[in-house]
Amino acid sequence: MRGRSEHSGARVRVFLGDPALTEDRANAAIANFVAPDRRDLDSEIVRLPEDSIDRVSEALCQVGMFASGRCVLLRGPLEEPEHIKRLHLFLETKLPAEAALVIVTPKIDGRSKLYGWLKENAAIEDFRIEPKPDTRSADSPSLSAAVDARVRANGFP
């Protein structure tokens, strides 16, 4: 895991990376917001791109009569500029006080306004695995020697 933000009690939790790595943490976050016996009634899963991004706001604003709150799990890639813009607008202006949002996505553009808002107001856990840098380069002595040896072995000077 690369990073974790300090907003551990936030109503918005973000898990970046492969869903296989983030699934358990996302379920634990949902359990913090919704009692296990109320999970079927007071939580909902919105899957992108199958569902509309507008479904997130509709689901979060739909608190049941006997519910103490609502939690939505948003799962899928947040790549469409329009999705990012609409989600940011909703979070910034209309997120109900009794609602919680858990986002599981491979990545979010760090240059977007949405990411800026999340960084300030949400708990972000980054499970992305950074690729190891390729230490082989043309300037590397071992690679250069190997290329030179292969060239000479094929009869070239």
N, C-alpha and C. Protein backbone atom coordinates (compact mmCIF):
# COMPACT_ATOMS: atom_id res chain seq x y z
N MET A 1 0.85 -1.17 0.00
CA MET A 1 0.00 0.00 0.00
C MET A 1 0.89 1.23 0.00
N ARG A 2 0.60 2.15 -0.89
CA ARG A 2 1.44 3.34 -1.01
C ARG A 2 1.06 4.42 -0.03
N GLY A 3 -0.19 4.67 0.19
CA GLY A 3 -0.52 5.80 1.02
C GLY A 3 -1.88 5.71 1.65
N ARG A 4 -2.01 6.46 2.73
CA ARG A 4 -3.27 6.52 3.45
C ARG A 4 -3.45 7.94 3.96
N SER A 5 -4.62 8.50 3.73
CA SER A 5 -4.87 9.86 4.21
C SER A 5 -5.25 9.82 5.69
N GLU A 6 -5.27 10.98 6.31
CA GLU A 6 -5.52 11.09 7.74
C GLU A 6 -6.99 11.20 8.10
N HIS A 7 -7.90 11.21 7.14
CA HIS A 7 -9.32 11.40 7.40
C HIS A 7 -10.01 10.07 7.70
N SER A 8 -9.61 9.38 8.77
CA SER A 8 -10.13 8.04 9.03
C SER A 8 -11.61 8.02 9.37
N GLY A 9 -12.17 9.11 9.90
CA GLY A 9 -13.58 9.15 10.23
C GLY A 9 -14.44 9.79 9.15
N ALA A 10 -13.91 9.97 7.98
CA ALA A 10 -14.60 10.67 6.90
C ALA A 10 -15.83 9.89 6.42
N ARG A 11 -16.80 10.65 5.93
CA ARG A 11 -18.01 10.04 5.36
C ARG A 11 -17.78 9.57 3.93
N VAL A 12 -16.67 9.96 3.36
CA VAL A 12 -16.30 9.50 2.02
C VAL A 12 -14.98 8.77 2.15
N ARG A 13 -14.96 7.52 1.71
CA ARG A 13 -13.75 6.69 1.75
C ARG A 13 -13.43 6.28 0.33
N VAL A 14 -12.15 6.34 -0.03
CA VAL A 14 -11.70 6.00 -1.38
C VAL A 14 -10.63 4.93 -1.29
N PHE A 15 -10.80 3.89 -2.09
CA PHE A 15 -9.82 2.81 -2.16
C PHE A 15 -9.36 2.70 -3.61
N LEU A 16 -8.10 3.04 -3.83
CA LEU A 16 -7.52 3.03 -5.18
C LEU A 16 -6.76 1.74 -5.39
N GLY A 17 -6.97 1.12 -6.55
CA GLY A 17 -6.21 -0.08 -6.89
C GLY A 17 -7.11 -1.20 -7.37
N ASP A 18 -6.51 -2.36 -7.50
CA ASP A 18 -7.20 -3.56 -7.96
C ASP A 18 -8.29 -3.94 -6.95
N PRO A 19 -9.52 -4.20 -7.42
CA PRO A 19 -10.60 -4.58 -6.50
C PRO A 19 -10.27 -5.80 -5.63
N ALA A 20 -9.45 -6.71 -6.13
CA ALA A 20 -9.07 -7.87 -5.33
C ALA A 20 -8.29 -7.44 -4.08
N LEU A 21 -7.57 -6.34 -4.17
CA LEU A 21 -6.81 -5.83 -3.03
C LEU A 21 -7.62 -4.91 -2.13
N THR A 22 -8.65 -4.30 -2.67
CA THR A 22 -9.40 -3.29 -1.92
C THR A 22 -10.72 -3.78 -1.36
N GLU A 23 -11.18 -4.92 -1.80
CA GLU A 23 -12.52 -5.41 -1.45
C GLU A 23 -12.75 -5.52 0.06
N ASP A 24 -11.84 -6.13 0.77
CA ASP A 24 -12.02 -6.31 2.22
C ASP A 24 -12.06 -4.98 2.95
N ARG A 25 -11.19 -4.05 2.57
CA ARG A 25 -11.16 -2.74 3.22
C ARG A 25 -12.45 -1.96 2.92
N ALA A 26 -12.95 -2.07 1.70
CA ALA A 26 -14.20 -1.38 1.34
C ALA A 26 -15.36 -1.95 2.14
N ASN A 27 -15.44 -3.27 2.28
CA ASN A 27 -16.51 -3.88 3.07
C ASN A 27 -16.43 -3.47 4.53
N ALA A 28 -15.22 -3.36 5.07
CA ALA A 28 -15.06 -2.91 6.45
C ALA A 28 -15.52 -1.46 6.60
N ALA A 29 -15.25 -0.63 5.61
CA ALA A 29 -15.69 0.78 5.65
C ALA A 29 -17.21 0.85 5.63
N ILE A 30 -17.84 0.03 4.80
CA ILE A 30 -19.30 0.01 4.75
C ILE A 30 -19.87 -0.43 6.10
N ALA A 31 -19.23 -1.43 6.71
CA ALA A 31 -19.68 -1.91 8.02
C ALA A 31 -19.58 -0.82 9.08
N ASN A 32 -18.65 0.12 8.94
CA ASN A 32 -18.55 1.25 9.87
C ASN A 32 -19.71 2.23 9.73
N PHE A 33 -20.28 2.30 8.54
CA PHE A 33 -21.36 3.24 8.29
C PHE A 33 -22.75 2.63 8.48
N VAL A 34 -22.88 1.34 8.18
CA VAL A 34 -24.19 0.69 8.20
C VAL A 34 -24.10 -0.58 9.04
N ALA A 35 -25.04 -0.77 9.95
CA ALA A 35 -25.08 -1.98 10.77
C ALA A 35 -25.29 -3.20 9.86
N PRO A 36 -24.64 -4.32 10.18
CA PRO A 36 -24.74 -5.51 9.33
C PRO A 36 -26.18 -5.96 9.06
N ASP A 37 -27.05 -5.85 10.05
CA ASP A 37 -28.43 -6.28 9.85
C ASP A 37 -29.24 -5.29 9.00
N ARG A 38 -28.72 -4.11 8.74
CA ARG A 38 -29.39 -3.09 7.94
C ARG A 38 -28.73 -2.89 6.57
N ARG A 39 -27.69 -3.67 6.30
CA ARG A 39 -26.90 -3.44 5.08
C ARG A 39 -27.73 -3.57 3.81
N ASP A 40 -28.63 -4.55 3.76
CA ASP A 40 -29.44 -4.72 2.56
C ASP A 40 -30.40 -3.55 2.34
N LEU A 41 -30.84 -2.93 3.42
CA LEU A 41 -31.80 -1.84 3.31
C LEU A 41 -31.16 -0.47 3.16
N ASP A 42 -30.01 -0.27 3.82
CA ASP A 42 -29.42 1.06 3.91
C ASP A 42 -28.16 1.26 3.09
N SER A 43 -27.86 0.32 2.20
CA SER A 43 -26.70 0.49 1.33
C SER A 43 -27.05 0.04 -0.08
N GLU A 44 -26.26 0.51 -1.00
CA GLU A 44 -26.49 0.20 -2.41
C GLU A 44 -25.15 0.20 -3.13
N ILE A 45 -25.06 -0.62 -4.18
CA ILE A 45 -23.85 -0.67 -5.01
C ILE A 45 -24.16 -0.02 -6.35
N VAL A 46 -23.33 0.91 -6.75
CA VAL A 46 -23.43 1.54 -8.07
C VAL A 46 -22.19 1.12 -8.83
N ARG A 47 -22.39 0.50 -9.98
CA ARG A 47 -21.28 -0.01 -10.79
C ARG A 47 -21.14 0.83 -12.06
N LEU A 48 -19.94 1.35 -12.23
CA LEU A 48 -19.64 2.08 -13.47
C LEU A 48 -18.91 1.14 -14.42
N PRO A 49 -19.14 1.17 -15.68
CA PRO A 49 -19.97 2.11 -16.44
C PRO A 49 -21.41 1.64 -16.63
N GLU A 50 -21.78 0.47 -16.06
CA GLU A 50 -23.13 -0.05 -16.26
C GLU A 50 -24.21 0.92 -15.76
N ASP A 51 -24.02 1.46 -14.55
CA ASP A 51 -24.99 2.39 -13.97
C ASP A 51 -24.59 3.82 -14.30
N SER A 52 -25.55 4.70 -14.20
CA SER A 52 -25.31 6.12 -14.42
C SER A 52 -24.65 6.72 -13.18
N ILE A 53 -23.78 7.70 -13.38
CA ILE A 53 -23.15 8.39 -12.25
C ILE A 53 -24.22 9.12 -11.43
N ASP A 54 -25.34 9.47 -12.05
CA ASP A 54 -26.43 10.13 -11.33
C ASP A 54 -27.06 9.20 -10.30
N ARG A 55 -26.88 7.90 -10.49
CA ARG A 55 -27.43 6.93 -9.53
C ARG A 55 -26.80 7.11 -8.15
N VAL A 56 -25.56 7.57 -8.10
CA VAL A 56 -24.88 7.79 -6.82
C VAL A 56 -25.64 8.83 -6.01
N SER A 57 -25.93 9.97 -6.60
CA SER A 57 -26.63 11.03 -5.87
C SER A 57 -28.05 10.61 -5.51
N GLU A 58 -28.72 9.92 -6.42
CA GLU A 58 -30.08 9.45 -6.14
C GLU A 58 -30.08 8.49 -4.95
N ALA A 59 -29.14 7.57 -4.93
CA ALA A 59 -29.08 6.56 -3.87
C ALA A 59 -28.70 7.18 -2.53
N LEU A 60 -27.79 8.14 -2.54
CA LEU A 60 -27.36 8.76 -1.28
C LEU A 60 -28.45 9.65 -0.68
N CYS A 61 -29.28 10.22 -1.50
CA CYS A 61 -30.34 11.10 -1.01
C CYS A 61 -31.60 10.33 -0.62
N GLN A 62 -31.61 9.03 -0.85
CA GLN A 62 -32.78 8.19 -0.60
C GLN A 62 -32.64 7.45 0.73
N VAL A 63 -32.74 8.18 1.84
CA VAL A 63 -32.63 7.58 3.16
C VAL A 63 -34.00 7.08 3.58
N GLY A 64 -34.04 5.81 4.03
CA GLY A 64 -35.31 5.20 4.43
C GLY A 64 -35.91 5.84 5.67
N MET A 65 -37.20 5.59 5.89
CA MET A 65 -37.93 6.19 7.00
C MET A 65 -37.34 5.82 8.37
N PHE A 66 -36.90 4.58 8.53
CA PHE A 66 -36.38 4.12 9.81
C PHE A 66 -34.86 4.00 9.81
N ALA A 67 -34.23 4.55 8.80
CA ALA A 67 -32.78 4.44 8.67
C ALA A 67 -32.08 5.60 9.37
N SER A 68 -30.91 5.31 9.90
CA SER A 68 -30.12 6.38 10.51
C SER A 68 -29.15 6.98 9.50
N GLY A 69 -29.03 6.36 8.34
CA GLY A 69 -28.13 6.86 7.32
C GLY A 69 -28.18 5.98 6.09
N ARG A 70 -27.34 6.32 5.13
CA ARG A 70 -27.30 5.60 3.86
C ARG A 70 -25.85 5.51 3.41
N CYS A 71 -25.48 4.38 2.83
CA CYS A 71 -24.13 4.21 2.32
C CYS A 71 -24.20 3.67 0.89
N VAL A 72 -23.42 4.26 0.02
CA VAL A 72 -23.35 3.80 -1.37
C VAL A 72 -21.92 3.39 -1.67
N LEU A 73 -21.77 2.22 -2.27
CA LEU A 73 -20.47 1.74 -2.76
C LEU A 73 -20.43 2.02 -4.25
N LEU A 74 -19.53 2.90 -4.65
CA LEU A 74 -19.32 3.22 -6.07
C LEU A 74 -18.13 2.43 -6.53
N ARG A 75 -18.37 1.52 -7.47
CA ARG A 75 -17.31 0.62 -7.92
C ARG A 75 -17.13 0.75 -9.43
N GLY A 76 -15.88 0.94 -9.83
CA GLY A 76 -15.59 1.00 -11.26
C GLY A 76 -14.67 2.15 -11.60
N PRO A 77 -14.30 2.24 -12.87
CA PRO A 77 -13.36 3.29 -13.29
C PRO A 77 -14.00 4.67 -13.32
N LEU A 78 -13.30 5.63 -12.76
CA LEU A 78 -13.72 7.03 -12.83
C LEU A 78 -12.84 7.72 -13.86
N GLU A 79 -13.15 7.48 -15.12
CA GLU A 79 -12.31 7.99 -16.20
C GLU A 79 -13.02 9.03 -17.06
N GLU A 80 -14.35 8.93 -17.15
CA GLU A 80 -15.10 9.85 -17.99
C GLU A 80 -15.08 11.25 -17.37
N PRO A 81 -14.66 12.26 -18.10
CA PRO A 81 -14.63 13.62 -17.56
C PRO A 81 -15.99 14.08 -17.01
N GLU A 82 -17.06 13.68 -17.68
CA GLU A 82 -18.40 14.08 -17.22
C GLU A 82 -18.75 13.41 -15.89
N HIS A 83 -18.36 12.15 -15.71
CA HIS A 83 -18.59 11.45 -14.43
C HIS A 83 -17.84 12.16 -13.31
N ILE A 84 -16.60 12.48 -13.57
CA ILE A 84 -15.75 13.14 -12.56
C ILE A 84 -16.36 14.49 -12.18
N LYS A 85 -16.77 15.25 -13.18
CA LYS A 85 -17.34 16.58 -12.94
C LYS A 85 -18.63 16.49 -12.13
N ARG A 86 -19.52 15.57 -12.49
CA ARG A 86 -20.80 15.46 -11.80
C ARG A 86 -20.65 14.94 -10.38
N LEU A 87 -19.76 13.99 -10.18
CA LEU A 87 -19.53 13.48 -8.83
C LEU A 87 -18.93 14.56 -7.94
N HIS A 88 -17.99 15.31 -8.47
CA HIS A 88 -17.38 16.41 -7.70
C HIS A 88 -18.44 17.44 -7.30
N LEU A 89 -19.28 17.82 -8.23
CA LEU A 89 -20.32 18.81 -7.94
C LEU A 89 -21.26 18.30 -6.85
N PHE A 90 -21.66 17.04 -6.93
CA PHE A 90 -22.54 16.48 -5.92
C PHE A 90 -21.87 16.46 -4.54
N LEU A 91 -20.65 15.98 -4.48
CA LEU A 91 -19.96 15.90 -3.20
C LEU A 91 -19.74 17.28 -2.58
N GLU A 92 -19.45 18.23 -3.41
CA GLU A 92 -19.16 19.57 -2.92
C GLU A 92 -20.41 20.31 -2.44
N THR A 93 -21.57 20.01 -3.02
CA THR A 93 -22.76 20.81 -2.71
C THR A 93 -23.93 20.07 -2.10
N LYS A 94 -24.08 18.77 -2.36
CA LYS A 94 -25.33 18.10 -2.01
C LYS A 94 -25.19 16.84 -1.17
N LEU A 95 -24.02 16.48 -0.70
CA LEU A 95 -23.86 15.25 0.07
C LEU A 95 -24.62 15.36 1.39
N PRO A 96 -25.65 14.55 1.59
CA PRO A 96 -26.42 14.63 2.84
C PRO A 96 -25.56 14.28 4.06
N ALA A 97 -25.86 14.91 5.17
CA ALA A 97 -25.08 14.71 6.40
C ALA A 97 -25.16 13.27 6.90
N GLU A 98 -26.26 12.57 6.64
CA GLU A 98 -26.41 11.21 7.13
C GLU A 98 -25.99 10.15 6.09
N ALA A 99 -25.32 10.58 5.03
CA ALA A 99 -24.92 9.67 3.96
C ALA A 99 -23.42 9.46 3.94
N ALA A 100 -23.02 8.28 3.46
CA ALA A 100 -21.60 7.94 3.32
C ALA A 100 -21.39 7.33 1.93
N LEU A 101 -20.22 7.59 1.38
CA LEU A 101 -19.87 7.08 0.06
C LEU A 101 -18.54 6.36 0.15
N VAL A 102 -18.50 5.13 -0.37
CA VAL A 102 -17.26 4.36 -0.45
C VAL A 102 -16.98 4.17 -1.94
N ILE A 103 -15.80 4.62 -2.38
CA ILE A 103 -15.41 4.54 -3.79
C ILE A 103 -14.29 3.53 -3.94
N VAL A 104 -14.49 2.56 -4.85
CA VAL A 104 -13.45 1.59 -5.19
C VAL A 104 -13.19 1.75 -6.68
N THR A 105 -11.99 2.22 -7.01
CA THR A 105 -11.66 2.49 -8.41
C THR A 105 -10.17 2.23 -8.65
N PRO A 106 -9.81 1.82 -9.85
CA PRO A 106 -8.39 1.58 -10.11
C PRO A 106 -7.53 2.83 -9.95
N LYS A 107 -8.08 3.99 -10.35
CA LYS A 107 -7.30 5.23 -10.24
C LYS A 107 -8.22 6.42 -10.41
N ILE A 108 -7.75 7.56 -9.95
CA ILE A 108 -8.43 8.84 -10.15
C ILE A 108 -7.37 9.83 -10.61
N ASP A 109 -7.70 10.62 -11.60
CA ASP A 109 -6.76 11.61 -12.11
C ASP A 109 -6.42 12.61 -11.01
N GLY A 110 -5.16 12.64 -10.62
CA GLY A 110 -4.70 13.51 -9.56
C GLY A 110 -4.79 14.98 -9.89
N ARG A 111 -5.02 15.32 -11.14
CA ARG A 111 -5.12 16.73 -11.55
C ARG A 111 -6.56 17.24 -11.50
N SER A 112 -7.51 16.35 -11.26
CA SER A 112 -8.92 16.74 -11.31
C SER A 112 -9.36 17.45 -10.04
N LYS A 113 -10.43 18.24 -10.16
CA LYS A 113 -11.02 18.91 -8.99
C LYS A 113 -11.58 17.87 -8.03
N LEU A 114 -12.10 16.78 -8.58
CA LEU A 114 -12.62 15.71 -7.72
C LEU A 114 -11.53 15.18 -6.80
N TYR A 115 -10.36 14.92 -7.35
CA TYR A 115 -9.27 14.40 -6.53
C TYR A 115 -8.86 15.42 -5.46
N GLY A 116 -8.83 16.68 -5.83
CA GLY A 116 -8.50 17.73 -4.86
C GLY A 116 -9.50 17.74 -3.71
N TRP A 117 -10.80 17.61 -4.04
CA TRP A 117 -11.82 17.58 -3.00
C TRP A 117 -11.65 16.35 -2.12
N LEU A 118 -11.42 15.21 -2.76
CA LEU A 118 -11.26 13.96 -2.00
C LEU A 118 -10.04 14.02 -1.08
N LYS A 119 -8.98 14.60 -1.58
CA LYS A 119 -7.76 14.70 -0.78
C LYS A 119 -7.99 15.53 0.48
N GLU A 120 -8.82 16.56 0.38
CA GLU A 120 -9.11 17.43 1.52
C GLU A 120 -10.17 16.87 2.46
N ASN A 121 -11.14 16.11 1.92
CA ASN A 121 -12.32 15.75 2.70
C ASN A 121 -12.56 14.25 2.89
N ALA A 122 -11.82 13.42 2.22
CA ALA A 122 -12.08 11.98 2.27
C ALA A 122 -10.87 11.22 2.83
N ALA A 123 -11.12 9.99 3.22
CA ALA A 123 -10.04 9.09 3.60
C ALA A 123 -9.67 8.30 2.35
N ILE A 124 -8.43 8.41 1.93
CA ILE A 124 -7.97 7.74 0.71
C ILE A 124 -6.93 6.69 1.08
N GLU A 125 -7.15 5.48 0.61
CA GLU A 125 -6.16 4.41 0.77
C GLU A 125 -5.75 3.96 -0.62
N ASP A 126 -4.47 4.02 -0.87
CA ASP A 126 -3.93 3.74 -2.19
C ASP A 126 -3.26 2.36 -2.19
N PHE A 127 -3.89 1.41 -2.89
CA PHE A 127 -3.37 0.06 -2.99
C PHE A 127 -2.77 -0.22 -4.36
N ARG A 128 -2.57 0.82 -5.15
CA ARG A 128 -2.00 0.60 -6.48
C ARG A 128 -0.57 0.11 -6.34
N ILE A 129 -0.21 -0.79 -7.19
CA ILE A 129 1.14 -1.34 -7.19
C ILE A 129 1.93 -0.62 -8.27
N GLU A 130 2.96 0.07 -7.84
CA GLU A 130 3.78 0.79 -8.80
C GLU A 130 4.69 -0.19 -9.52
N PRO A 131 4.78 -0.06 -10.84
CA PRO A 131 5.70 -0.94 -11.56
C PRO A 131 7.14 -0.60 -11.16
N LYS A 132 7.95 -1.63 -11.07
CA LYS A 132 9.36 -1.40 -10.76
C LYS A 132 10.02 -0.75 -11.96
N PRO A 133 10.88 0.22 -11.71
CA PRO A 133 11.54 0.87 -12.84
C PRO A 133 12.44 -0.13 -13.57
N ASP A 134 12.49 0.02 -14.87
CA ASP A 134 13.33 -0.85 -15.69
C ASP A 134 14.78 -0.38 -15.53
N THR A 135 15.56 -1.21 -14.87
CA THR A 135 16.95 -0.83 -14.63
C THR A 135 17.84 -1.14 -15.82
N ARG A 136 17.25 -1.82 -16.79
CA ARG A 136 18.04 -2.10 -17.98
C ARG A 136 17.93 -0.91 -18.92
N SER A 137 19.03 -0.38 -19.32
CA SER A 137 19.01 0.70 -20.29
C SER A 137 20.21 0.54 -21.21
N ALA A 138 20.19 1.29 -22.28
CA ALA A 138 21.30 1.19 -23.23
C ALA A 138 22.60 1.66 -22.59
N ASP A 139 22.50 2.49 -21.56
CA ASP A 139 23.70 2.99 -20.89
C ASP A 139 24.23 2.01 -19.85
N SER A 140 23.41 1.02 -19.53
CA SER A 140 23.81 0.05 -18.52
C SER A 140 25.00 -0.77 -19.02
N PRO A 141 26.07 -0.89 -18.21
CA PRO A 141 27.24 -1.64 -18.65
C PRO A 141 26.92 -3.09 -18.99
N SER A 142 26.05 -3.73 -18.19
CA SER A 142 25.76 -5.13 -18.45
C SER A 142 24.97 -5.30 -19.74
N LEU A 143 24.04 -4.40 -20.02
CA LEU A 143 23.27 -4.48 -21.25
C LEU A 143 24.15 -4.15 -22.44
N SER A 144 24.97 -3.12 -22.33
CA SER A 144 25.87 -2.76 -23.42
C SER A 144 26.82 -3.90 -23.75
N ALA A 145 27.36 -4.52 -22.72
CA ALA A 145 28.27 -5.64 -22.93
C ALA A 145 27.55 -6.80 -23.59
N ALA A 146 26.33 -7.06 -23.19
CA ALA A 146 25.56 -8.16 -23.78
C ALA A 146 25.27 -7.89 -25.24
N VAL A 147 24.91 -6.65 -25.57
CA VAL A 147 24.62 -6.29 -26.96
C VAL A 147 25.90 -6.39 -27.78
N ASP A 148 27.02 -5.88 -27.25
CA ASP A 148 28.29 -5.96 -27.97
C ASP A 148 28.69 -7.41 -28.22
N ALA A 149 28.51 -8.26 -27.23
CA ALA A 149 28.87 -9.68 -27.37
C ALA A 149 28.01 -10.34 -28.43
N ARG A 150 26.72 -10.04 -28.44
CA ARG A 150 25.82 -10.64 -29.42
C ARG A 150 26.17 -10.16 -30.84
N VAL A 151 26.49 -8.87 -30.97
CA VAL A 151 26.86 -8.33 -32.28
C VAL A 151 28.12 -9.01 -32.79
N ARG A 152 29.13 -9.15 -31.90
CA ARG A 152 30.37 -9.82 -32.31
C ARG A 152 30.14 -11.28 -32.63
N ALA A 153 29.26 -11.94 -31.90
CA ALA A 153 29.00 -13.37 -32.13
C ALA A 153 28.33 -13.58 -33.48
N ASN A 154 27.61 -12.61 -33.97
CA ASN A 154 26.96 -12.73 -35.26
C ASN A 154 27.84 -12.30 -36.43
N GLY A 155 29.12 -12.03 -36.14
CA GLY A 155 30.07 -11.70 -37.19
C GLY A 155 30.18 -10.24 -37.53
N PHE A 156 29.60 -9.37 -36.77
CA PHE A 156 29.74 -7.96 -37.02
C PHE A 156 30.86 -7.41 -36.14
N PRO A 157 31.61 -6.45 -36.68
CA PRO A 157 32.73 -5.93 -35.89
C PRO A 157 32.30 -5.12 -34.69
